[in-house]
PDB file of N, CA and C in Angstrom:
ATOM      1  N   MET A   1     -29.338   5.220  41.685  1.00  0.00           N
ATOM      2  CA  MET A   1     -28.139   5.962  41.384  1.00  0.00           C
ATOM      3  C   MET A   1     -27.120   4.980  40.805  1.00  0.00           C
ATOM      4  N   ARG A   2     -26.928   5.014  39.540  1.00  0.00           N
ATOM      5  CA  ARG A   2     -26.035   4.085  38.869  1.00  0.00           C
ATOM      6  C   ARG A   2     -24.595   4.320  39.309  1.00  0.00           C
ATOM      7  N   GLY A   3     -23.877   3.248  39.618  1.00  0.00           N
ATOM      8  CA  GLY A   3     -22.472   3.351  39.981  1.00  0.00           C
ATOM      9  C   GLY A   3     -22.235   3.594  41.458  1.00  0.00           C
ATOM     10  N   ALA A   4     -23.293   3.764  42.250  1.00  0.00           N
ATOM     11  CA  ALA A   4     -23.119   4.015  43.685  1.00  0.00           C
ATOM     12  C   ALA A   4     -22.680   2.738  44.382  1.00  0.00           C
ATOM     13  N   ARG A   5     -21.808   2.915  45.362  1.00  0.00           N
ATOM     14  CA  ARG A   5     -21.347   1.780  46.166  1.00  0.00           C
ATOM     15  C   ARG A   5     -21.315   2.200  47.624  1.00  0.00           C
ATOM     16  N   THR A   6     -21.334   1.227  48.492  1.00  0.00           N
ATOM     17  CA  THR A   6     -21.188   1.476  49.918  1.00  0.00           C
ATOM     18  C   THR A   6     -19.766   1.126  50.312  1.00  0.00           C
ATOM     19  N   LEU A   7     -19.134   2.016  51.065  1.00  0.00           N
ATOM     20  CA  LEU A   7     -17.774   1.754  51.529  1.00  0.00           C
ATOM     21  C   LEU A   7     -17.815   0.984  52.836  1.00  0.00           C
ATOM     22  N   PRO A   8     -16.959  -0.013  52.997  1.00  0.00           N
ATOM     23  CA  PRO A   8     -16.883  -0.712  54.283  1.00  0.00           C
ATOM     24  C   PRO A   8     -16.419   0.247  55.378  1.00  0.00           C
ATOM     25  N   ILE A   9     -16.865   0.008  56.597  1.00  0.00           N
ATOM     26  CA  ILE A   9     -16.418   0.825  57.729  1.00  0.00           C
ATOM     27  C   ILE A   9     -14.902   0.756  57.809  1.00  0.00           C
ATOM     28  N   GLY A  10     -14.279   1.900  58.018  1.00  0.00           N
ATOM     29  CA  GLY A  10     -12.827   1.970  58.118  1.00  0.00           C
ATOM     30  C   GLY A  10     -12.142   2.313  56.811  1.00  0.00           C
ATOM     31  N   THR A  11     -12.898   2.370  55.718  1.00  0.00           N
ATOM     32  CA  THR A  11     -12.325   2.700  54.419  1.00  0.00           C
ATOM     33  C   THR A  11     -12.141   4.205  54.298  1.00  0.00           C
ATOM     34  N   LYS A  12     -11.031   4.613  53.730  1.00  0.00           N
ATOM     35  CA  LYS A  12     -10.781   6.033  53.495  1.00  0.00           C
ATOM     36  C   LYS A  12     -11.330   6.420  52.125  1.00  0.00           C
ATOM     37  N   LEU A  13     -11.769   7.681  52.012  1.00  0.00           N
ATOM     38  CA  LEU A  13     -12.240   8.188  50.725  1.00  0.00           C
ATOM     39  C   LEU A  13     -11.042   8.426  49.812  1.00  0.00           C
ATOM     40  N   ASN A  14     -11.067   7.818  48.646  1.00  0.00           N
ATOM     41  CA  ASN A  14     -10.021   8.101  47.667  1.00  0.00           C
ATOM     42  C   ASN A  14     -10.530   9.189  46.719  1.00  0.00           C
ATOM     43  N   ARG A  15      -9.715   9.581  45.774  1.00  0.00           N
ATOM     44  CA  ARG A  15     -10.101  10.649  44.839  1.00  0.00           C
ATOM     45  C   ARG A  15     -11.385  10.333  44.089  1.00  0.00           C
ATOM     46  N   SER A  16     -11.532   9.080  43.697  1.00  0.00           N
ATOM     47  CA  SER A  16     -12.717   8.671  42.943  1.00  0.00           C
ATOM     48  C   SER A  16     -13.998   8.854  43.767  1.00  0.00           C
ATOM     49  N   PHE A  17     -13.983   8.401  45.016  1.00  0.00           N
ATOM     50  CA  PHE A  17     -15.164   8.545  45.860  1.00  0.00           C
ATOM     51  C   PHE A  17     -15.422  10.004  46.225  1.00  0.00           C
ATOM     52  N   ARG A  18     -14.373  10.771  46.475  1.00  0.00           N
ATOM     53  CA  ARG A  18     -14.549  12.202  46.770  1.00  0.00           C
ATOM     54  C   ARG A  18     -15.204  12.902  45.578  1.00  0.00           C
ATOM     55  N   ALA A  19     -14.726  12.600  44.373  1.00  0.00           N
ATOM     56  CA  ALA A  19     -15.294  13.208  43.164  1.00  0.00           C
ATOM     57  C   ALA A  19     -16.758  12.800  42.989  1.00  0.00           C
ATOM     58  N   PHE A  20     -17.068  11.532  43.257  1.00  0.00           N
ATOM     59  CA  PHE A  20     -18.449  11.056  43.161  1.00  0.00           C
ATOM     60  C   PHE A  20     -19.345  11.841  44.118  1.00  0.00           C
ATOM     61  N   ILE A  21     -18.922  11.993  45.355  1.00  0.00           N
ATOM     62  CA  ILE A  21     -19.702  12.729  46.355  1.00  0.00           C
ATOM     63  C   ILE A  21     -19.905  14.171  45.917  1.00  0.00           C
ATOM     64  N   GLU A  22     -18.859  14.804  45.441  1.00  0.00           N
ATOM     65  CA  GLU A  22     -18.928  16.214  45.056  1.00  0.00           C
ATOM     66  C   GLU A  22     -19.839  16.455  43.852  1.00  0.00           C
ATOM     67  N   ARG A  23     -20.077  15.438  43.024  1.00  0.00           N
ATOM     68  CA  ARG A  23     -20.956  15.578  41.849  1.00  0.00           C
ATOM     69  C   ARG A  23     -22.444  15.449  42.189  1.00  0.00           C
ATOM     70  N   GLN A  24     -22.770  14.953  43.361  1.00  0.00           N
ATOM     71  CA  GLN A  24     -24.165  14.663  43.688  1.00  0.00           C
ATOM     72  C   GLN A  24     -24.926  15.920  44.104  1.00  0.00           C
ATOM     73  N   PRO A  25     -26.152  16.111  43.582  1.00  0.00           N
ATOM     74  CA  PRO A  25     -26.955  17.268  43.966  1.00  0.00           C
ATOM     75  C   PRO A  25     -27.686  17.075  45.298  1.00  0.00           C
ATOM     76  N   VAL A  26     -27.785  15.831  45.757  1.00  0.00           N
ATOM     77  CA  VAL A  26     -28.537  15.527  46.973  1.00  0.00           C
ATOM     78  C   VAL A  26     -27.943  14.275  47.617  1.00  0.00           C
ATOM     79  N   PHE A  27     -28.107  14.151  48.939  1.00  0.00           N
ATOM     80  CA  PHE A  27     -27.752  12.915  49.632  1.00  0.00           C
ATOM     81  C   PHE A  27     -28.838  12.636  50.660  1.00  0.00           C
ATOM     82  N   PHE A  28     -28.826  11.455  51.249  1.00  0.00           N
ATOM     83  CA  PHE A  28     -29.882  11.047  52.169  1.00  0.00           C
ATOM     84  C   PHE A  28     -29.275  10.580  53.482  1.00  0.00           C
ATOM     85  N   VAL A  29     -29.958  10.934  54.573  1.00  0.00           N
ATOM     86  CA  VAL A  29     -29.589  10.464  55.904  1.00  0.00           C
ATOM     87  C   VAL A  29     -30.756   9.615  56.387  1.00  0.00           C
ATOM     88  N   ALA A  30     -30.455   8.419  56.874  1.00  0.00           N
ATOM     89  CA  ALA A  30     -31.519   7.521  57.322  1.00  0.00           C
ATOM     90  C   ALA A  30     -31.201   6.965  58.704  1.00  0.00           C
ATOM     91  N   THR A  31     -32.261   6.776  59.491  1.00  0.00           N
ATOM     92  CA  THR A  31     -32.153   6.118  60.788  1.00  0.00           C
ATOM     93  C   THR A  31     -33.243   5.063  60.859  1.00  0.00           C
ATOM     94  N   ALA A  32     -33.030   4.070  61.715  1.00  0.00           N
ATOM     95  CA  ALA A  32     -34.033   3.025  61.911  1.00  0.00           C
ATOM     96  C   ALA A  32     -34.151   2.728  63.400  1.00  0.00           C
ATOM     97  N   ALA A  33     -35.384   2.724  63.896  1.00  0.00           N
ATOM     98  CA  ALA A  33     -35.656   2.392  65.289  1.00  0.00           C
ATOM     99  C   ALA A  33     -35.564   0.880  65.471  1.00  0.00           C
ATOM    100  N   PRO A  34     -35.323   0.425  66.701  1.00  0.00           N
ATOM    101  CA  PRO A  34     -35.224  -1.025  66.945  1.00  0.00           C
ATOM    102  C   PRO A  34     -36.447  -1.808  66.464  1.00  0.00           C
ATOM    103  N   GLU A  35     -37.638  -1.200  66.523  1.00  0.00           N
ATOM    104  CA  GLU A  35     -38.837  -1.917  66.075  1.00  0.00           C
ATOM    105  C   GLU A  35     -39.027  -1.874  64.567  1.00  0.00           C
ATOM    106  N   GLY A  36     -38.098  -1.233  63.851  1.00  0.00           N
ATOM    107  CA  GLY A  36     -38.112  -1.282  62.402  1.00  0.00           C
ATOM    108  C   GLY A  36     -38.584  -0.039  61.682  1.00  0.00           C
ATOM    109  N   ARG A  37     -39.075   0.960  62.395  1.00  0.00           N
ATOM    110  CA  ARG A  37     -39.519   2.193  61.728  1.00  0.00           C
ATOM    111  C   ARG A  37     -38.309   2.930  61.160  1.00  0.00           C
ATOM    112  N   VAL A  38     -38.411   3.327  59.888  1.00  0.00           N
ATOM    113  CA  VAL A  38     -37.297   3.973  59.187  1.00  0.00           C
ATOM    114  C   VAL A  38     -37.666   5.419  58.865  1.00  0.00           C
ATOM    115  N   ASN A  39     -36.711   6.315  59.022  1.00  0.00           N
ATOM    116  CA  ASN A  39     -36.875   7.719  58.670  1.00  0.00           C
ATOM    117  C   ASN A  39     -35.751   8.089  57.709  1.00  0.00           C
ATOM    118  N   VAL A  40     -36.105   8.600  56.528  1.00  0.00           N
ATOM    119  CA  VAL A  40     -35.123   8.998  55.522  1.00  0.00           C
ATOM    120  C   VAL A  40     -35.340  10.473  55.201  1.00  0.00           C
ATOM    121  N   SER A  41     -34.258  11.252  55.267  1.00  0.00           N
ATOM    122  CA  SER A  41     -34.346  12.688  54.991  1.00  0.00           C
ATOM    123  C   SER A  41     -33.412  13.062  53.852  1.00  0.00           C
ATOM    124  N   PRO A  42     -33.941  13.693  52.787  1.00  0.00           N
ATOM    125  CA  PRO A  42     -33.061  14.190  51.729  1.00  0.00           C
ATOM    126  C   PRO A  42     -32.353  15.454  52.205  1.00  0.00           C
ATOM    127  N   LYS A  43     -31.131  15.615  51.781  1.00  0.00           N
ATOM    128  CA  LYS A  43     -30.327  16.790  52.136  1.00  0.00           C
ATOM    129  C   LYS A  43     -29.690  17.340  50.872  1.00  0.00           C
ATOM    130  N   GLY A  44     -29.601  18.657  50.777  1.00  0.00           N
ATOM    131  CA  GLY A  44     -28.918  19.285  49.653  1.00  0.00           C
ATOM    132  C   GLY A  44     -27.416  19.249  49.860  1.00  0.00           C
ATOM    133  N   MET A  45     -26.663  19.221  48.766  1.00  0.00           N
ATOM    134  CA  MET A  45     -25.210  19.095  48.886  1.00  0.00           C
ATOM    135  C   MET A  45     -24.554  20.286  49.568  1.00  0.00           C
ATOM    136  N   GLY A  46     -25.202  21.430  49.630  1.00  0.00           N
ATOM    137  CA  GLY A  46     -24.631  22.534  50.376  1.00  0.00           C
ATOM    138  C   GLY A  46     -24.533  22.227  51.856  1.00  0.00           C
ATOM    139  N   MET A  47     -25.189  21.147  52.274  1.00  0.00           N
ATOM    140  CA  MET A  47     -25.197  20.767  53.683  1.00  0.00           C
ATOM    141  C   MET A  47     -24.117  19.744  54.019  1.00  0.00           C
ATOM    142  N   LEU A  48     -23.354  19.270  53.038  1.00  0.00           N
ATOM    143  CA  LEU A  48     -22.334  18.247  53.264  1.00  0.00           C
ATOM    144  C   LEU A  48     -20.955  18.811  52.966  1.00  0.00           C
ATOM    145  N   LYS A  49     -20.020  18.526  53.853  1.00  0.00           N
ATOM    146  CA  LYS A  49     -18.640  18.963  53.644  1.00  0.00           C
ATOM    147  C   LYS A  49     -17.711  17.780  53.900  1.00  0.00           C
ATOM    148  N   ILE A  50     -16.783  17.559  52.984  1.00  0.00           N
ATOM    149  CA  ILE A  50     -15.750  16.544  53.177  1.00  0.00           C
ATOM    150  C   ILE A  50     -14.629  17.207  53.964  1.00  0.00           C
ATOM    151  N   LEU A  51     -14.415  16.761  55.200  1.00  0.00           N
ATOM    152  CA  LEU A  51     -13.377  17.335  56.054  1.00  0.00           C
ATOM    153  C   LEU A  51     -12.020  16.691  55.804  1.00  0.00           C
ATOM    154  N   SER A  52     -12.028  15.393  55.544  1.00  0.00           N
ATOM    155  CA  SER A  52     -10.788  14.653  55.286  1.00  0.00           C
ATOM    156  C   SER A  52     -11.161  13.347  54.606  1.00  0.00           C
ATOM    157  N   ASP A  53     -10.186  12.486  54.392  1.00  0.00           N
ATOM    158  CA  ASP A  53     -10.495  11.204  53.747  1.00  0.00           C
ATOM    159  C   ASP A  53     -11.170  10.214  54.698  1.00  0.00           C
ATOM    160  N   THR A  54     -11.377  10.617  55.955  1.00  0.00           N
ATOM    161  CA  THR A  54     -12.066   9.750  56.919  1.00  0.00           C
ATOM    162  C   THR A  54     -13.237  10.432  57.626  1.00  0.00           C
ATOM    163  N   HIS A  55     -13.485  11.715  57.332  1.00  0.00           N
ATOM    164  CA  HIS A  55     -14.541  12.435  58.046  1.00  0.00           C
ATOM    165  C   HIS A  55     -15.399  13.291  57.106  1.00  0.00           C
ATOM    166  N   LEU A  56     -16.721  13.177  57.299  1.00  0.00           N
ATOM    167  CA  LEU A  56     -17.696  14.024  56.616  1.00  0.00           C
ATOM    168  C   LEU A  56     -18.472  14.786  57.688  1.00  0.00           C
ATOM    169  N   ARG A  57     -19.003  15.946  57.321  1.00  0.00           N
ATOM    170  CA  ARG A  57     -19.852  16.699  58.244  1.00  0.00           C
ATOM    171  C   ARG A  57     -21.067  17.182  57.464  1.00  0.00           C
ATOM    172  N   TRP A  58     -22.264  17.065  58.067  1.00  0.00           N
ATOM    173  CA  TRP A  58     -23.464  17.601  57.448  1.00  0.00           C
ATOM    174  C   TRP A  58     -24.343  18.251  58.505  1.00  0.00           C
ATOM    175  N   LEU A  59     -25.126  19.230  58.053  1.00  0.00           N
ATOM    176  CA  LEU A  59     -26.103  19.874  58.922  1.00  0.00           C
ATOM    177  C   LEU A  59     -27.303  18.965  59.039  1.00  0.00           C
ATOM    178  N   ASN A  60     -27.828  18.846  60.222  1.00  0.00           N
ATOM    179  CA  ASN A  60     -28.974  17.979  60.448  1.00  0.00           C
ATOM    180  C   ASN A  60     -30.219  18.807  60.609  1.00  0.00           C
TER     181      ASN A  60
END
């Protein structure tokens, strides 16, 4: 995904990042177990909602 960046913890979403998120057709949720096993799940954008500049909500 060209132009994607990771925000540091504690960073608020500005207009640019909100617009970037809203343009995406899909996003991914990933977890990793202590022994290293990784699980990645694609999610459709209808499952993500921007609640504020510091909070997102998605259906799991």
